C-alpha atoms as a PDB file:
ATOM      1  CA  MET A   1      -4.651   6.293 -20.478  1.00  0.00           C
ATOM      2  CA  ILE A   2      -6.477   4.901 -17.898  1.00  0.00           C
ATOM      3  CA  GLU A   3      -7.542   1.456 -18.551  1.00  0.00           C
ATOM      4  CA  ARG A   4     -11.267   0.325 -17.695  1.00  0.00           C
ATOM      5  CA  PHE A   5     -11.160  -2.306 -14.668  1.00  0.00           C
ATOM      6  CA  ASP A   6     -14.357  -4.335 -14.721  1.00  0.00           C
ATOM      7  CA  ALA A   7     -15.259  -5.225 -11.147  1.00  0.00           C
ATOM      8  CA  PRO A   8     -15.542  -9.320 -10.037  1.00  0.00           C
ATOM      9  CA  GLU A   9     -19.567 -10.196  -9.890  1.00  0.00           C
ATOM     10  CA  TRP A  10     -19.774 -10.665  -6.253  1.00  0.00           C
ATOM     11  CA  VAL A  11     -18.704  -7.257  -5.842  1.00  0.00           C
ATOM     12  CA  GLN A  12     -21.446  -5.819  -7.200  1.00  0.00           C
ATOM     13  CA  ASP A  13     -24.264  -6.768  -4.166  1.00  0.00           C
ATOM     14  CA  ALA A  14     -20.811  -6.820  -1.648  1.00  0.00           C
ATOM     15  CA  VAL A  15     -21.762  -5.011   1.633  1.00  0.00           C
ATOM     16  CA  PHE A  16     -18.084  -4.081   3.010  1.00  0.00           C
ATOM     17  CA  TYR A  17     -17.062  -3.963   6.326  1.00  0.00           C
ATOM     18  CA  GLN A  18     -13.781  -2.346   7.466  1.00  0.00           C
ATOM     19  CA  ILE A  19     -11.949  -3.692  10.086  1.00  0.00           C
ATOM     20  CA  PHE A  20      -9.181  -2.101  12.029  1.00  0.00           C
ATOM     21  CA  PRO A  21      -8.175  -5.886  13.739  1.00  0.00           C
ATOM     22  CA  GLU A  22      -6.194  -4.261  16.844  1.00  0.00           C
ATOM     23  CA  ARG A  23      -9.220  -2.392  18.027  1.00  0.00           C
ATOM     24  CA  PHE A  24     -11.872  -4.712  17.181  1.00  0.00           C
ATOM     25  CA  ALA A  25     -11.953  -7.584  19.279  1.00  0.00           C
ATOM     26  CA  ASN A  26      -9.772  -9.612  21.768  1.00  0.00           C
ATOM     27  CA  GLY A  27     -10.526 -13.070  20.890  1.00  0.00           C
ATOM     28  CA  ASP A  28      -7.857 -14.641  22.462  1.00  0.00           C
ATOM     29  CA  PRO A  29      -6.401 -12.647  25.366  1.00  0.00           C
ATOM     30  CA  GLY A  30      -4.113 -15.616  25.617  1.00  0.00           C
ATOM     31  CA  ASN A  31      -2.086 -14.321  23.048  1.00  0.00           C
ATOM     32  CA  ASP A  32      -1.838 -10.962  24.184  1.00  0.00           C
ATOM     33  CA  PRO A  33       1.949  -9.116  25.277  1.00  0.00           C
ATOM     34  CA  ALA A  34       2.386  -7.635  29.103  1.00  0.00           C
ATOM     35  CA  TRP A  35       1.985  -4.083  27.520  1.00  0.00           C
ATOM     36  CA  VAL A  36      -1.781  -4.901  26.091  1.00  0.00           C
ATOM     37  CA  LEU A  37      -4.453  -2.615  27.797  1.00  0.00           C
ATOM     38  CA  PRO A  38      -7.609  -3.898  29.462  1.00  0.00           C
ATOM     39  CA  TRP A  39     -10.570  -3.936  26.964  1.00  0.00           C
ATOM     40  CA  GLY A  40     -12.358  -0.993  26.972  1.00  0.00           C
ATOM     41  CA  THR A  41      -9.697   1.131  27.821  1.00  0.00           C
ATOM     42  CA  PRO A  42      -9.701   4.600  26.030  1.00  0.00           C
ATOM     43  CA  PRO A  43      -7.294   3.682  22.875  1.00  0.00           C
ATOM     44  CA  THR A  44      -4.336   6.218  22.072  1.00  0.00           C
ATOM     45  CA  PRO A  45      -2.154   5.707  19.200  1.00  0.00           C
ATOM     46  CA  LEU A  46       0.399   4.253  21.658  1.00  0.00           C
ATOM     47  CA  THR A  47      -1.454   1.899  23.133  1.00  0.00           C
ATOM     48  CA  PHE A  48      -2.469  -1.549  22.043  1.00  0.00           C
ATOM     49  CA  MET A  49      -6.089  -3.259  22.854  1.00  0.00           C
ATOM     50  CA  GLY A  50      -4.982  -7.058  21.453  1.00  0.00           C
ATOM     51  CA  GLY A  51      -7.392  -7.287  18.377  1.00  0.00           C
ATOM     52  CA  ASP A  52      -7.134 -10.184  16.587  1.00  0.00           C
ATOM     53  CA  LEU A  53      -8.123 -12.679  13.886  1.00  0.00           C
ATOM     54  CA  GLN A  54      -9.841 -14.472  16.039  1.00  0.00           C
ATOM     55  CA  GLY A  55     -11.834 -11.415  17.555  1.00  0.00           C
ATOM     56  CA  ILE A  56     -13.390 -11.284  13.961  1.00  0.00           C
ATOM     57  CA  LEU A  57     -13.755 -14.820  13.551  1.00  0.00           C
ATOM     58  CA  ASP A  58     -15.994 -14.679  16.777  1.00  0.00           C
ATOM     59  CA  HIS A  59     -18.230 -12.113  15.479  1.00  0.00           C
ATOM     60  CA  LEU A  60     -19.131 -13.204  12.178  1.00  0.00           C
ATOM     61  CA  PRO A  61     -22.837 -14.157  13.324  1.00  0.00           C
ATOM     62  CA  TYR A  62     -22.673 -10.355  14.345  1.00  0.00           C
ATOM     63  CA  LEU A  63     -21.821  -8.851  10.766  1.00  0.00           C
ATOM     64  CA  HIS A  64     -23.872 -11.646   8.771  1.00  0.00           C
ATOM     65  CA  GLU A  65     -27.169 -10.110  11.098  1.00  0.00           C
ATOM     66  CA  LEU A  66     -25.983  -6.946   9.849  1.00  0.00           C
ATOM     67  CA  GLY A  67     -26.206  -8.129   6.337  1.00  0.00           C
ATOM     68  CA  ILE A  68     -22.158  -7.515   5.823  1.00  0.00           C
ATOM     69  CA  ASN A  69     -20.855 -10.098   3.290  1.00  0.00           C
ATOM     70  CA  ALA A  70     -17.108  -8.933   2.821  1.00  0.00           C
ATOM     71  CA  ILE A  71     -14.806  -7.473   4.972  1.00  0.00           C
ATOM     72  CA  TYR A  72     -11.607  -5.439   4.382  1.00  0.00           C
ATOM     73  CA  THR A  73      -8.863  -5.018   7.303  1.00  0.00           C
ATOM     74  CA  THR A  74      -6.917  -2.481   7.983  1.00  0.00           C
ATOM     75  CA  PRO A  75      -3.360  -3.953   7.095  1.00  0.00           C
ATOM     76  CA  ILE A  76      -2.648  -7.354   9.093  1.00  0.00           C
ATOM     77  CA  PHE A  77       0.836  -8.284   7.162  1.00  0.00           C
ATOM     78  CA  ALA A  78       4.281  -8.571   8.585  1.00  0.00           C
ATOM     79  CA  ALA A  79       5.471  -4.979   9.254  1.00  0.00           C
ATOM     80  CA  ARG A  80       7.696  -2.944  10.632  1.00  0.00           C
ATOM     81  CA  PRO A  81       6.448  -2.509  14.163  1.00  0.00           C
ATOM     82  CA  THR A  82       3.234   0.292  14.201  1.00  0.00           C
ATOM     83  CA  ILE A  83       0.070   0.376  15.397  1.00  0.00           C
ATOM     84  CA  SER A  84      -0.973   0.658  11.485  1.00  0.00           C
ATOM     85  CA  MET A  85       0.856  -2.184  10.511  1.00  0.00           C
ATOM     86  CA  THR A  86       2.483   0.032   7.320  1.00  0.00           C
ATOM     87  CA  PRO A  87       4.354  -0.551   5.217  1.00  0.00           C
ATOM     88  CA  ALA A  88       4.236  -4.251   4.797  1.00  0.00           C
ATOM     89  CA  ILE A  89       7.250  -6.032   4.595  1.00  0.00           C
ATOM     90  CA  THR A  90       5.478  -9.180   2.902  1.00  0.00           C
ATOM     91  CA  SER A  91       1.980 -10.073   2.208  1.00  0.00           C
ATOM     92  CA  ARG A  92       2.820 -13.640   2.753  1.00  0.00           C
ATOM     93  CA  SER A  93       2.559 -13.762   6.573  1.00  0.00           C
ATOM     94  CA  ILE A  94       0.515 -12.374   8.707  1.00  0.00           C
ATOM     95  CA  GLN A  95       2.022  -9.832  11.857  1.00  0.00           C
ATOM     96  CA  PRO A  96       2.126 -12.020  15.257  1.00  0.00           C
ATOM     97  CA  LEU A  97       0.720  -9.413  18.215  1.00  0.00           C
ATOM     98  CA  ALA A  98       3.660  -9.987  20.320  1.00  0.00           C
ATOM     99  CA  THR A  99       6.474  -8.487  17.799  1.00  0.00           C
ATOM    100  CA  TRP A 100       4.605  -5.095  18.107  1.00  0.00           C
ATOM    101  CA  SER A 101       5.897  -2.569  20.208  1.00  0.00           C
ATOM    102  CA  CYS A 102       4.496   0.476  21.562  1.00  0.00           C
ATOM    103  CA  SER A 103       7.956   1.815  21.902  1.00  0.00           C
ATOM    104  CA  SER A 104       9.449   1.256  18.523  1.00  0.00           C
ATOM    105  CA  ALA A 105       5.866   3.021  16.989  1.00  0.00           C
ATOM    106  CA  TRP A 106       6.528   6.612  17.413  1.00  0.00           C
END
């Protein structure tokens, strides 16, 4: 049996924008581990660009100008070290970039 789900009122007029934080914007290069490549380097499944939550915060005015009023991020919770940050091991903490490792991702 499928139960009916009533979406919250605020969703009715929401304009969502999905963000993959690691590739969206590097707002704080000071927290980048040594293996992070310079921004603008062509990405591959094994490289990290250093995108972070500060990068999202820095671009909120731009997203607002586009009419975005809801953001969905790909996983950012503590997880085993992969580029996609899945599967999450907890939803109570955000994965620190310094614990990501390209070598253990594959």
